[in-house]
Amino acid sequence: MSTQVKVGADTMLLIVVIFILAAIFAPFMTIWSLNTLFPQLNIPMNFWTWLAMEWINIMIIGRMGRISKRA
């Protein structure tokens, strides 16, 4: 027995906006947390470090997806 949940357009838009904001701010939060935990790193907050952190996040999430499918 399955139940279907109807999701409105406004809810879908909200979900998309949340994912976009998370993709934008998650790398900055990661850089900030690394700078807070390890002050000697002194990683600058700019576009290039954001892009590098985004790339690292993509690689880690991609590998986690492949690992979980094997199990």
N, C-alpha and C. Protein backbone atom coordinates (compact mmCIF):
# COMPACT_ATOMS: atom_id res chain seq x y z
N MET A 1 0.85 -1.16 0.00
CA MET A 1 0.00 0.00 0.00
C MET A 1 0.90 1.23 0.00
N SER A 2 0.74 2.08 -0.99
CA SER A 2 1.55 3.29 -1.06
C SER A 2 0.65 4.52 -1.00
N THR A 3 1.19 5.54 -0.40
CA THR A 3 0.47 6.81 -0.32
C THR A 3 1.24 7.85 -1.11
N GLN A 4 0.52 8.71 -1.78
CA GLN A 4 1.15 9.75 -2.57
C GLN A 4 0.97 11.09 -1.86
N VAL A 5 2.04 11.82 -1.83
CA VAL A 5 1.99 13.14 -1.23
C VAL A 5 2.08 14.16 -2.35
N LYS A 6 1.11 15.06 -2.40
CA LYS A 6 1.12 16.09 -3.43
C LYS A 6 1.89 17.29 -2.90
N VAL A 7 2.83 17.75 -3.71
CA VAL A 7 3.66 18.88 -3.34
C VAL A 7 3.35 20.01 -4.31
N GLY A 8 3.05 21.17 -3.75
CA GLY A 8 2.72 22.32 -4.58
C GLY A 8 3.95 22.96 -5.19
N ALA A 9 3.71 23.85 -6.13
CA ALA A 9 4.79 24.54 -6.82
C ALA A 9 5.58 25.42 -5.86
N ASP A 10 4.90 26.03 -4.90
CA ASP A 10 5.59 26.89 -3.95
C ASP A 10 6.54 26.09 -3.05
N THR A 11 6.14 24.88 -2.69
CA THR A 11 6.99 24.02 -1.88
C THR A 11 8.21 23.57 -2.68
N MET A 12 8.00 23.22 -3.93
CA MET A 12 9.12 22.82 -4.79
C MET A 12 10.10 23.97 -4.99
N LEU A 13 9.58 25.18 -5.17
CA LEU A 13 10.43 26.36 -5.33
C LEU A 13 11.25 26.59 -4.06
N LEU A 14 10.63 26.44 -2.91
CA LEU A 14 11.32 26.60 -1.64
C LEU A 14 12.45 25.58 -1.50
N ILE A 15 12.20 24.35 -1.86
CA ILE A 15 13.21 23.30 -1.79
C ILE A 15 14.38 23.61 -2.71
N VAL A 16 14.09 24.06 -3.92
CA VAL A 16 15.14 24.41 -4.88
C VAL A 16 15.98 25.58 -4.35
N VAL A 17 15.32 26.60 -3.80
CA VAL A 17 16.04 27.75 -3.25
C VAL A 17 16.93 27.33 -2.09
N ILE A 18 16.44 26.45 -1.22
CA ILE A 18 17.24 25.98 -0.09
C ILE A 18 18.47 25.23 -0.58
N PHE A 19 18.32 24.39 -1.59
CA PHE A 19 19.46 23.65 -2.13
C PHE A 19 20.47 24.60 -2.77
N ILE A 20 20.01 25.61 -3.48
CA ILE A 20 20.92 26.57 -4.10
C ILE A 20 21.67 27.35 -3.03
N LEU A 21 20.96 27.82 -2.00
CA LEU A 21 21.62 28.55 -0.92
C LEU A 21 22.62 27.66 -0.18
N ALA A 22 22.28 26.41 0.02
CA ALA A 22 23.21 25.49 0.68
C ALA A 22 24.46 25.28 -0.17
N ALA A 23 24.29 25.18 -1.49
CA ALA A 23 25.44 25.00 -2.38
C ALA A 23 26.33 26.24 -2.37
N ILE A 24 25.75 27.41 -2.17
CA ILE A 24 26.53 28.64 -2.15
C ILE A 24 27.24 28.82 -0.81
N PHE A 25 26.54 28.60 0.31
CA PHE A 25 27.09 28.93 1.61
C PHE A 25 27.84 27.79 2.29
N ALA A 26 27.62 26.55 1.90
CA ALA A 26 28.30 25.42 2.55
C ALA A 26 29.83 25.51 2.42
N PRO A 27 30.39 25.84 1.26
CA PRO A 27 31.85 25.96 1.19
C PRO A 27 32.40 27.07 2.09
N PHE A 28 31.69 28.21 2.17
CA PHE A 28 32.14 29.28 3.06
C PHE A 28 32.10 28.84 4.51
N MET A 29 31.08 28.09 4.88
CA MET A 29 30.98 27.59 6.25
C MET A 29 32.11 26.60 6.53
N THR A 30 32.49 25.79 5.55
CA THR A 30 33.58 24.84 5.72
C THR A 30 34.90 25.58 5.90
N ILE A 31 35.15 26.59 5.06
CA ILE A 31 36.37 27.38 5.18
C ILE A 31 36.41 28.08 6.52
N TRP A 32 35.30 28.67 6.93
CA TRP A 32 35.23 29.36 8.23
C TRP A 32 35.52 28.39 9.37
N SER A 33 34.95 27.19 9.30
CA SER A 33 35.17 26.23 10.39
C SER A 33 36.62 25.77 10.43
N LEU A 34 37.23 25.57 9.27
CA LEU A 34 38.65 25.19 9.25
C LEU A 34 39.52 26.30 9.81
N ASN A 35 39.22 27.55 9.44
CA ASN A 35 39.98 28.69 9.98
C ASN A 35 39.78 28.84 11.48
N THR A 36 38.60 28.50 11.97
CA THR A 36 38.34 28.59 13.40
C THR A 36 39.07 27.49 14.17
N LEU A 37 39.02 26.28 13.65
CA LEU A 37 39.67 25.16 14.34
C LEU A 37 41.19 25.20 14.22
N PHE A 38 41.68 25.63 13.07
CA PHE A 38 43.11 25.67 12.80
C PHE A 38 43.51 27.07 12.33
N PRO A 39 43.69 28.01 13.25
CA PRO A 39 43.95 29.40 12.87
C PRO A 39 45.22 29.58 12.03
N GLN A 40 46.17 28.66 12.14
CA GLN A 40 47.40 28.78 11.38
C GLN A 40 47.17 28.57 9.88
N LEU A 41 46.04 27.98 9.50
CA LEU A 41 45.74 27.81 8.07
C LEU A 41 45.54 29.15 7.37
N ASN A 42 44.78 30.03 8.02
CA ASN A 42 44.53 31.38 7.51
C ASN A 42 44.08 31.35 6.03
N ILE A 43 43.08 30.54 5.74
CA ILE A 43 42.55 30.42 4.38
C ILE A 43 41.74 31.67 4.06
N PRO A 44 42.05 32.35 2.96
CA PRO A 44 41.28 33.55 2.62
C PRO A 44 39.88 33.20 2.12
N MET A 45 38.94 34.10 2.35
CA MET A 45 37.58 33.93 1.87
C MET A 45 37.44 34.69 0.55
N ASN A 46 37.56 33.97 -0.54
CA ASN A 46 37.37 34.59 -1.85
C ASN A 46 36.76 33.57 -2.81
N PHE A 47 36.56 33.99 -4.04
CA PHE A 47 35.91 33.13 -5.01
C PHE A 47 36.70 31.85 -5.26
N TRP A 48 38.02 31.94 -5.34
CA TRP A 48 38.84 30.78 -5.70
C TRP A 48 38.86 29.74 -4.59
N THR A 49 38.91 30.19 -3.34
CA THR A 49 38.85 29.21 -2.26
C THR A 49 37.45 28.61 -2.15
N TRP A 50 36.43 29.43 -2.45
CA TRP A 50 35.06 28.90 -2.47
C TRP A 50 34.95 27.82 -3.54
N LEU A 51 35.49 28.10 -4.73
CA LEU A 51 35.43 27.14 -5.83
C LEU A 51 36.19 25.86 -5.50
N ALA A 52 37.36 26.01 -4.87
CA ALA A 52 38.14 24.83 -4.49
C ALA A 52 37.39 23.99 -3.46
N MET A 53 36.76 24.64 -2.49
CA MET A 53 36.01 23.90 -1.48
C MET A 53 34.77 23.24 -2.09
N GLU A 54 34.14 23.92 -3.02
CA GLU A 54 32.98 23.33 -3.71
C GLU A 54 33.42 22.06 -4.46
N TRP A 55 34.57 22.12 -5.10
CA TRP A 55 35.10 20.96 -5.83
C TRP A 55 35.39 19.80 -4.88
N ILE A 56 35.99 20.11 -3.73
CA ILE A 56 36.26 19.07 -2.74
C ILE A 56 34.95 18.45 -2.25
N ASN A 57 33.96 19.28 -1.98
CA ASN A 57 32.66 18.77 -1.53
C ASN A 57 32.03 17.87 -2.59
N ILE A 58 32.11 18.27 -3.84
CA ILE A 58 31.55 17.45 -4.92
C ILE A 58 32.26 16.10 -5.00
N MET A 59 33.59 16.11 -4.87
CA MET A 59 34.34 14.86 -4.95
C MET A 59 34.00 13.94 -3.77
N ILE A 60 33.89 14.49 -2.57
CA ILE A 60 33.58 13.69 -1.39
C ILE A 60 32.17 13.12 -1.49
N ILE A 61 31.21 13.94 -1.86
CA ILE A 61 29.82 13.47 -1.97
C ILE A 61 29.70 12.43 -3.08
N GLY A 62 30.40 12.63 -4.19
CA GLY A 62 30.37 11.66 -5.28
C GLY A 62 30.92 10.32 -4.87
N ARG A 63 32.01 10.34 -4.13
CA ARG A 63 32.60 9.08 -3.66
C ARG A 63 31.71 8.40 -2.63
N MET A 64 31.09 9.17 -1.77
CA MET A 64 30.21 8.59 -0.76
C MET A 64 29.02 7.91 -1.43
N GLY A 65 28.52 8.50 -2.50
CA GLY A 65 27.42 7.89 -3.23
C GLY A 65 27.80 6.57 -3.85
N ARG A 66 29.01 6.51 -4.42
CA ARG A 66 29.47 5.25 -5.02
C ARG A 66 29.74 4.18 -3.97
N ILE A 67 30.26 4.59 -2.82
CA ILE A 67 30.56 3.62 -1.76
C ILE A 67 29.27 3.05 -1.19
N SER A 68 28.26 3.88 -0.99
CA SER A 68 27.02 3.40 -0.39
C SER A 68 26.25 2.48 -1.34
N LYS A 69 26.42 2.63 -2.64
CA LYS A 69 25.74 1.75 -3.59
C LYS A 69 26.36 0.37 -3.63
N ARG A 70 27.63 0.25 -3.27
CA ARG A 70 28.30 -1.05 -3.28
C ARG A 70 27.82 -1.94 -2.14
N ALA A 71 27.49 -1.34 -1.02
CA ALA A 71 27.14 -2.12 0.18
C ALA A 71 25.79 -2.77 0.03
